Amino acid sequence: MSDQQKELRGSPPNYEALRLMAAGTLGAALLGLSSLTFAGTVIFLILAAPFLVVFSPILVPAAMILILSTAGFLFSGGSGIGGLAAILWLYRKARGQLPYAADQLDFVRMRVASKAWDMKERAKEGGQFVQNKAQENTEA
């Protein structure tokens, strides 16, 4: 077996397609969550508006409604921006327009994955060694 075959066999698998599917799923889920949260916040404000008018002397519920509606809009906007960012990344990745220094990030990611793969193999070998020694000691 050549060195190149050994190197290819010991390298971790490429998860590019899985990453693209995950990014698309994440983007779609965040956009859906954003639209549902936005619709829920609008419905909540529509239903809460008469209560604000009727109970205006009571400021605590008004403040709670204001805080909850603001939090809903902020969460909705944040989820929408996150979903759009994931879809934009997916679009740029599919077109080959990698972000700045993406090749260096991929290189570092592959080095880390390679080291993790090596450590996994060493741990497996170490476990087998300890298991063999334990069997030898129990037999003796």
N, C-alpha and C. Protein backbone atom coordinates (compact mmCIF):
# COMPACT_ATOMS: atom_id res chain seq x y z
N MET A 1 0.86 -1.18 0.00
CA MET A 1 0.00 0.00 0.00
C MET A 1 0.90 1.24 0.00
N SER A 2 0.61 2.17 -0.90
CA SER A 2 1.45 3.37 -1.01
C SER A 2 1.14 4.34 0.12
N ASP A 3 2.05 5.31 0.28
CA ASP A 3 1.87 6.33 1.33
C ASP A 3 0.63 7.17 1.07
N GLN A 4 0.36 7.43 -0.21
CA GLN A 4 -0.82 8.25 -0.55
C GLN A 4 -2.10 7.53 -0.17
N GLN A 5 -2.18 6.22 -0.39
CA GLN A 5 -3.36 5.46 -0.01
C GLN A 5 -3.52 5.43 1.50
N LYS A 6 -2.41 5.30 2.23
CA LYS A 6 -2.48 5.32 3.69
C LYS A 6 -2.97 6.68 4.18
N GLU A 7 -2.50 7.75 3.53
CA GLU A 7 -2.90 9.09 3.94
C GLU A 7 -4.38 9.32 3.67
N LEU A 8 -4.87 8.83 2.51
CA LEU A 8 -6.28 8.99 2.21
C LEU A 8 -7.15 8.15 3.13
N ARG A 9 -6.70 6.97 3.50
CA ARG A 9 -7.48 6.11 4.37
C ARG A 9 -7.55 6.68 5.79
N GLY A 10 -6.51 7.32 6.26
CA GLY A 10 -6.48 7.84 7.62
C GLY A 10 -7.08 9.22 7.77
N SER A 11 -7.42 9.87 6.65
CA SER A 11 -7.96 11.23 6.76
C SER A 11 -9.45 11.18 7.07
N PRO A 12 -9.94 12.19 7.78
CA PRO A 12 -11.37 12.22 8.13
C PRO A 12 -12.22 12.46 6.89
N PRO A 13 -13.46 12.00 6.90
CA PRO A 13 -14.32 12.17 5.72
C PRO A 13 -14.72 13.64 5.53
N ASN A 14 -15.09 13.98 4.30
CA ASN A 14 -15.48 15.34 3.95
C ASN A 14 -16.99 15.50 4.17
N TYR A 15 -17.37 16.48 4.94
CA TYR A 15 -18.78 16.69 5.28
C TYR A 15 -19.35 17.93 4.59
N GLU A 16 -18.86 18.26 3.40
CA GLU A 16 -19.27 19.48 2.72
C GLU A 16 -20.76 19.45 2.37
N ALA A 17 -21.23 18.36 1.82
CA ALA A 17 -22.65 18.27 1.45
C ALA A 17 -23.53 18.33 2.69
N LEU A 18 -23.09 17.68 3.75
CA LEU A 18 -23.85 17.71 5.00
C LEU A 18 -23.90 19.12 5.57
N ARG A 19 -22.80 19.86 5.48
CA ARG A 19 -22.77 21.24 5.97
C ARG A 19 -23.71 22.11 5.15
N LEU A 20 -23.73 21.93 3.83
CA LEU A 20 -24.61 22.72 2.99
C LEU A 20 -26.08 22.42 3.29
N MET A 21 -26.40 21.15 3.50
CA MET A 21 -27.78 20.79 3.84
C MET A 21 -28.16 21.37 5.21
N ALA A 22 -27.24 21.32 6.15
CA ALA A 22 -27.52 21.85 7.48
C ALA A 22 -27.73 23.36 7.42
N ALA A 23 -26.92 24.05 6.63
CA ALA A 23 -27.06 25.51 6.52
C ALA A 23 -28.39 25.88 5.88
N GLY A 24 -28.78 25.15 4.85
CA GLY A 24 -30.07 25.41 4.21
C GLY A 24 -31.23 25.13 5.15
N THR A 25 -31.15 24.03 5.87
CA THR A 25 -32.20 23.70 6.82
C THR A 25 -32.27 24.73 7.94
N LEU A 26 -31.11 25.11 8.44
CA LEU A 26 -31.07 26.11 9.51
C LEU A 26 -31.63 27.45 9.03
N GLY A 27 -31.24 27.86 7.84
CA GLY A 27 -31.75 29.13 7.30
C GLY A 27 -33.25 29.10 7.12
N ALA A 28 -33.77 28.01 6.56
CA ALA A 28 -35.21 27.91 6.36
C ALA A 28 -35.95 27.87 7.69
N ALA A 29 -35.40 27.13 8.65
CA ALA A 29 -36.05 27.04 9.97
C ALA A 29 -36.06 28.39 10.67
N LEU A 30 -34.95 29.11 10.59
CA LEU A 30 -34.90 30.42 11.24
C LEU A 30 -35.83 31.43 10.56
N LEU A 31 -35.91 31.36 9.23
CA LEU A 31 -36.85 32.25 8.55
C LEU A 31 -38.29 31.91 8.91
N GLY A 32 -38.61 30.63 8.99
CA GLY A 32 -39.95 30.23 9.41
C GLY A 32 -40.25 30.65 10.84
N LEU A 33 -39.28 30.45 11.72
CA LEU A 33 -39.45 30.87 13.11
C LEU A 33 -39.61 32.39 13.20
N SER A 34 -38.87 33.11 12.39
CA SER A 34 -38.97 34.56 12.38
C SER A 34 -40.37 35.00 11.95
N SER A 35 -40.89 34.40 10.90
CA SER A 35 -42.22 34.81 10.43
C SER A 35 -43.30 34.43 11.43
N LEU A 36 -43.18 33.26 12.05
CA LEU A 36 -44.17 32.87 13.06
C LEU A 36 -44.11 33.78 14.28
N THR A 37 -42.91 34.12 14.71
CA THR A 37 -42.76 35.01 15.86
C THR A 37 -43.30 36.40 15.53
N PHE A 38 -43.02 36.88 14.34
CA PHE A 38 -43.53 38.19 13.93
C PHE A 38 -45.05 38.20 13.90
N ALA A 39 -45.64 37.16 13.31
CA ALA A 39 -47.11 37.08 13.23
C ALA A 39 -47.70 36.99 14.63
N GLY A 40 -47.10 36.19 15.50
CA GLY A 40 -47.59 36.08 16.88
C GLY A 40 -47.50 37.38 17.63
N THR A 41 -46.42 38.13 17.41
CA THR A 41 -46.26 39.42 18.08
C THR A 41 -47.30 40.42 17.60
N VAL A 42 -47.56 40.43 16.30
CA VAL A 42 -48.57 41.35 15.76
C VAL A 42 -49.95 40.99 16.30
N ILE A 43 -50.28 39.71 16.31
CA ILE A 43 -51.58 39.28 16.86
C ILE A 43 -51.67 39.64 18.34
N PHE A 44 -50.59 39.43 19.07
CA PHE A 44 -50.58 39.79 20.50
C PHE A 44 -50.83 41.28 20.68
N LEU A 45 -50.19 42.11 19.87
CA LEU A 45 -50.40 43.56 19.98
C LEU A 45 -51.83 43.96 19.61
N ILE A 46 -52.40 43.31 18.60
CA ILE A 46 -53.78 43.61 18.21
C ILE A 46 -54.73 43.24 19.35
N LEU A 47 -54.52 42.09 19.95
CA LEU A 47 -55.38 41.67 21.04
C LEU A 47 -55.14 42.48 22.32
N ALA A 48 -53.93 42.94 22.52
CA ALA A 48 -53.60 43.66 23.74
C ALA A 48 -53.95 45.14 23.67
N ALA A 49 -54.12 45.70 22.48
CA ALA A 49 -54.39 47.13 22.34
C ALA A 49 -55.66 47.57 23.08
N PRO A 50 -56.79 46.86 22.99
CA PRO A 50 -57.96 47.29 23.77
C PRO A 50 -57.71 47.26 25.27
N PHE A 51 -56.98 46.28 25.73
CA PHE A 51 -56.68 46.21 27.16
C PHE A 51 -55.80 47.38 27.60
N LEU A 52 -54.92 47.81 26.71
CA LEU A 52 -54.10 48.98 27.04
C LEU A 52 -54.97 50.23 27.19
N VAL A 53 -55.97 50.35 26.32
CA VAL A 53 -56.85 51.52 26.39
C VAL A 53 -57.72 51.47 27.64
N VAL A 54 -58.32 50.30 27.91
CA VAL A 54 -59.23 50.17 29.05
C VAL A 54 -58.47 50.28 30.38
N PHE A 55 -57.35 49.64 30.47
CA PHE A 55 -56.61 49.59 31.73
C PHE A 55 -55.41 50.53 31.73
N SER A 56 -55.50 51.65 31.06
CA SER A 56 -54.36 52.57 30.97
C SER A 56 -53.89 53.10 32.33
N PRO A 57 -54.74 53.25 33.33
CA PRO A 57 -54.21 53.70 34.62
C PRO A 57 -53.28 52.68 35.28
N ILE A 58 -53.39 51.45 34.88
CA ILE A 58 -52.54 50.41 35.47
C ILE A 58 -51.30 50.28 34.58
N LEU A 59 -50.22 50.81 35.05
CA LEU A 59 -49.02 50.89 34.23
C LEU A 59 -48.21 49.60 34.19
N VAL A 60 -48.33 48.76 35.19
CA VAL A 60 -47.52 47.54 35.20
C VAL A 60 -47.88 46.60 34.05
N PRO A 61 -49.17 46.32 33.82
CA PRO A 61 -49.47 45.48 32.65
C PRO A 61 -49.06 46.14 31.33
N ALA A 62 -49.21 47.45 31.27
CA ALA A 62 -48.79 48.14 30.05
C ALA A 62 -47.30 47.99 29.83
N ALA A 63 -46.55 48.11 30.91
CA ALA A 63 -45.10 47.95 30.78
C ALA A 63 -44.75 46.51 30.40
N MET A 64 -45.46 45.55 30.96
CA MET A 64 -45.20 44.15 30.62
C MET A 64 -45.52 43.88 29.15
N ILE A 65 -46.63 44.43 28.67
CA ILE A 65 -46.99 44.24 27.27
C ILE A 65 -45.94 44.89 26.36
N LEU A 66 -45.50 46.06 26.75
CA LEU A 66 -44.48 46.75 25.96
C LEU A 66 -43.18 45.95 25.93
N ILE A 67 -42.78 45.44 27.07
CA ILE A 67 -41.54 44.66 27.14
C ILE A 67 -41.67 43.37 26.33
N LEU A 68 -42.81 42.68 26.48
CA LEU A 68 -43.00 41.42 25.75
C LEU A 68 -43.08 41.65 24.24
N SER A 69 -43.77 42.70 23.83
CA SER A 69 -43.86 42.96 22.39
C SER A 69 -42.51 43.37 21.82
N THR A 70 -41.76 44.17 22.57
CA THR A 70 -40.41 44.55 22.12
C THR A 70 -39.52 43.32 22.02
N ALA A 71 -39.59 42.46 23.02
CA ALA A 71 -38.79 41.23 22.97
C ALA A 71 -39.20 40.37 21.79
N GLY A 72 -40.51 40.30 21.51
CA GLY A 72 -40.97 39.52 20.36
C GLY A 72 -40.45 40.06 19.05
N PHE A 73 -40.51 41.38 18.88
CA PHE A 73 -40.00 41.98 17.65
C PHE A 73 -38.49 41.81 17.53
N LEU A 74 -37.77 41.96 18.63
CA LEU A 74 -36.31 41.77 18.57
C LEU A 74 -35.94 40.33 18.24
N PHE A 75 -36.64 39.39 18.86
CA PHE A 75 -36.37 37.98 18.56
C PHE A 75 -36.73 37.66 17.12
N SER A 76 -37.85 38.20 16.66
CA SER A 76 -38.27 37.98 15.28
C SER A 76 -37.22 38.53 14.31
N GLY A 77 -36.78 39.75 14.55
CA GLY A 77 -35.77 40.34 13.68
C GLY A 77 -34.45 39.60 13.73
N GLY A 78 -34.04 39.19 14.92
CA GLY A 78 -32.79 38.44 15.05
C GLY A 78 -32.85 37.10 14.34
N SER A 79 -33.98 36.41 14.47
CA SER A 79 -34.13 35.12 13.77
C SER A 79 -34.15 35.33 12.26
N GLY A 80 -34.82 36.40 11.82
CA GLY A 80 -34.85 36.68 10.38
C GLY A 80 -33.47 36.99 9.84
N ILE A 81 -32.70 37.80 10.57
CA ILE A 81 -31.34 38.13 10.13
C ILE A 81 -30.46 36.89 10.13
N GLY A 82 -30.61 36.05 11.16
CA GLY A 82 -29.84 34.81 11.20
C GLY A 82 -30.19 33.89 10.04
N GLY A 83 -31.48 33.77 9.74
CA GLY A 83 -31.89 32.94 8.61
C GLY A 83 -31.40 33.46 7.29
N LEU A 84 -31.52 34.77 7.09
CA LEU A 84 -31.02 35.37 5.85
C LEU A 84 -29.50 35.23 5.73
N ALA A 85 -28.79 35.37 6.85
CA ALA A 85 -27.34 35.20 6.81
C ALA A 85 -26.95 33.77 6.44
N ALA A 86 -27.68 32.79 6.98
CA ALA A 86 -27.39 31.40 6.64
C ALA A 86 -27.67 31.12 5.17
N ILE A 87 -28.77 31.65 4.67
CA ILE A 87 -29.10 31.43 3.26
C ILE A 87 -28.12 32.17 2.35
N LEU A 88 -27.70 33.38 2.74
CA LEU A 88 -26.71 34.11 1.96
C LEU A 88 -25.38 33.38 1.94
N TRP A 89 -24.98 32.82 3.08
CA TRP A 89 -23.74 32.03 3.12
C TRP A 89 -23.86 30.83 2.20
N LEU A 90 -25.02 30.16 2.24
CA LEU A 90 -25.24 29.00 1.39
C LEU A 90 -25.17 29.39 -0.08
N TYR A 91 -25.77 30.53 -0.43
CA TYR A 91 -25.75 31.01 -1.81
C TYR A 91 -24.31 31.31 -2.26
N ARG A 92 -23.57 32.01 -1.41
CA ARG A 92 -22.19 32.33 -1.76
C ARG A 92 -21.33 31.08 -1.86
N LYS A 93 -21.57 30.13 -0.99
CA LYS A 93 -20.80 28.88 -1.02
C LYS A 93 -21.10 28.11 -2.29
N ALA A 94 -22.37 28.09 -2.69
CA ALA A 94 -22.76 27.36 -3.91
C ALA A 94 -22.19 28.02 -5.16
N ARG A 95 -22.08 29.35 -5.16
CA ARG A 95 -21.53 30.06 -6.32
C ARG A 95 -20.02 30.12 -6.31
N GLY A 96 -19.40 29.69 -5.22
CA GLY A 96 -17.95 29.69 -5.14
C GLY A 96 -17.37 31.01 -4.69
N GLN A 97 -18.20 31.90 -4.19
CA GLN A 97 -17.73 33.19 -3.69
C GLN A 97 -17.44 33.05 -2.20
N LEU A 98 -16.30 32.51 -1.91
CA LEU A 98 -15.96 32.25 -0.51
C LEU A 98 -15.64 33.55 0.20
N PRO A 99 -15.94 33.64 1.48
CA PRO A 99 -15.61 34.85 2.22
C PRO A 99 -14.10 35.02 2.36
N TYR A 100 -13.72 36.20 2.83
CA TYR A 100 -12.31 36.53 2.99
C TYR A 100 -11.63 35.49 3.89
N ALA A 101 -10.50 34.99 3.47
CA ALA A 101 -9.66 34.04 4.20
C ALA A 101 -10.36 32.71 4.44
N ALA A 102 -11.29 32.33 3.57
CA ALA A 102 -11.99 31.06 3.74
C ALA A 102 -11.05 29.89 3.54
N ASP A 103 -10.10 30.03 2.61
CA ASP A 103 -9.16 28.93 2.39
C ASP A 103 -8.30 28.69 3.61
N GLN A 104 -7.92 29.76 4.31
CA GLN A 104 -7.13 29.59 5.53
C GLN A 104 -7.98 28.96 6.64
N LEU A 105 -9.26 29.36 6.72
CA LEU A 105 -10.13 28.76 7.71
C LEU A 105 -10.36 27.27 7.41
N ASP A 106 -10.51 26.94 6.13
CA ASP A 106 -10.67 25.53 5.76
C ASP A 106 -9.41 24.75 6.08
N PHE A 107 -8.24 25.36 5.85
CA PHE A 107 -6.98 24.69 6.17
C PHE A 107 -6.89 24.41 7.67
N VAL A 108 -7.23 25.41 8.48
CA VAL A 108 -7.18 25.23 9.93
C VAL A 108 -8.20 24.19 10.37
N ARG A 109 -9.39 24.25 9.78
CA ARG A 109 -10.42 23.27 10.12
C ARG A 109 -9.96 21.85 9.79
N MET A 110 -9.33 21.67 8.63
CA MET A 110 -8.84 20.35 8.24
C MET A 110 -7.71 19.89 9.16
N ARG A 111 -6.85 20.83 9.58
CA ARG A 111 -5.77 20.44 10.51
C ARG A 111 -6.34 20.00 11.84
N VAL A 112 -7.33 20.75 12.34
CA VAL A 112 -7.96 20.38 13.61
C VAL A 112 -8.67 19.05 13.47
N ALA A 113 -9.38 18.84 12.37
CA ALA A 113 -10.07 17.57 12.15
C ALA A 113 -9.07 16.42 12.04
N SER A 114 -7.95 16.67 11.38
CA SER A 114 -6.93 15.65 11.24
C SER A 114 -6.34 15.28 12.60
N LYS A 115 -6.05 16.29 13.41
CA LYS A 115 -5.51 16.02 14.75
C LYS A 115 -6.52 15.29 15.61
N ALA A 116 -7.80 15.67 15.50
CA ALA A 116 -8.84 14.98 16.26
C ALA A 116 -8.94 13.52 15.82
N TRP A 117 -8.82 13.29 14.51
CA TRP A 117 -8.85 11.93 13.98
C TRP A 117 -7.67 11.13 14.53
N ASP A 118 -6.47 11.74 14.52
CA ASP A 118 -5.29 11.08 15.06
C ASP A 118 -5.46 10.75 16.54
N MET A 119 -5.99 11.69 17.31
CA MET A 119 -6.18 11.46 18.74
C MET A 119 -7.20 10.34 18.97
N LYS A 120 -8.21 10.28 18.13
CA LYS A 120 -9.21 9.21 18.25
C LYS A 120 -8.55 7.86 18.01
N GLU A 121 -7.72 7.79 16.98
CA GLU A 121 -7.04 6.53 16.67
C GLU A 121 -6.07 6.15 17.80
N ARG A 122 -5.35 7.12 18.33
CA ARG A 122 -4.43 6.83 19.44
C ARG A 122 -5.18 6.36 20.68
N ALA A 123 -6.31 6.99 20.94
CA ALA A 123 -7.11 6.58 22.10
C ALA A 123 -7.64 5.16 21.89
N LYS A 124 -8.03 4.84 20.66
CA LYS A 124 -8.51 3.50 20.36
C LYS A 124 -7.40 2.48 20.56
N GLU A 125 -6.20 2.81 20.06
CA GLU A 125 -5.06 1.91 20.23
C GLU A 125 -4.69 1.77 21.71
N GLY A 126 -4.73 2.88 22.43
CA GLY A 126 -4.43 2.83 23.87
C GLY A 126 -5.44 1.99 24.62
N GLY A 127 -6.70 2.10 24.26
CA GLY A 127 -7.74 1.29 24.89
C GLY A 127 -7.54 -0.19 24.62
N GLN A 128 -7.17 -0.51 23.39
CA GLN A 128 -6.90 -1.91 23.05
C GLN A 128 -5.69 -2.43 23.81
N PHE A 129 -4.67 -1.58 23.94
CA PHE A 129 -3.47 -1.98 24.69
C PHE A 129 -3.82 -2.28 26.14
N VAL A 130 -4.58 -1.39 26.76
CA VAL A 130 -4.97 -1.59 28.15
C VAL A 130 -5.84 -2.84 28.29
N GLN A 131 -6.72 -3.05 27.33
CA GLN A 131 -7.59 -4.23 27.39
C GLN A 131 -6.76 -5.51 27.26
N ASN A 132 -5.78 -5.51 26.37
CA ASN A 132 -4.91 -6.68 26.21
C ASN A 132 -4.10 -6.93 27.48
N LYS A 133 -3.56 -5.88 28.07
CA LYS A 133 -2.79 -6.04 29.31
C LYS A 133 -3.66 -6.57 30.44
N ALA A 134 -4.91 -6.09 30.50
CA ALA A 134 -5.82 -6.56 31.54
C ALA A 134 -6.14 -8.04 31.34
N GLN A 135 -6.31 -8.46 30.10
CA GLN A 135 -6.56 -9.88 29.83
C GLN A 135 -5.35 -10.73 30.17
N GLU A 136 -4.14 -10.22 29.87
CA GLU A 136 -2.93 -10.95 30.22
C GLU A 136 -2.80 -11.09 31.73
N ASN A 137 -3.13 -10.06 32.47
CA ASN A 137 -3.01 -10.12 33.93
C ASN A 137 -4.05 -11.04 34.54
N THR A 138 -5.24 -11.11 33.96
CA THR A 138 -6.26 -12.00 34.51
C THR A 138 -5.96 -13.46 34.19
N GLU A 139 -5.27 -13.70 33.06
CA GLU A 139 -4.92 -15.07 32.69
C GLU A 139 -3.74 -15.57 33.51
N ALA A 140 -2.87 -14.65 33.90
CA ALA A 140 -1.65 -15.07 34.60
C ALA A 140 -1.89 -15.36 36.07
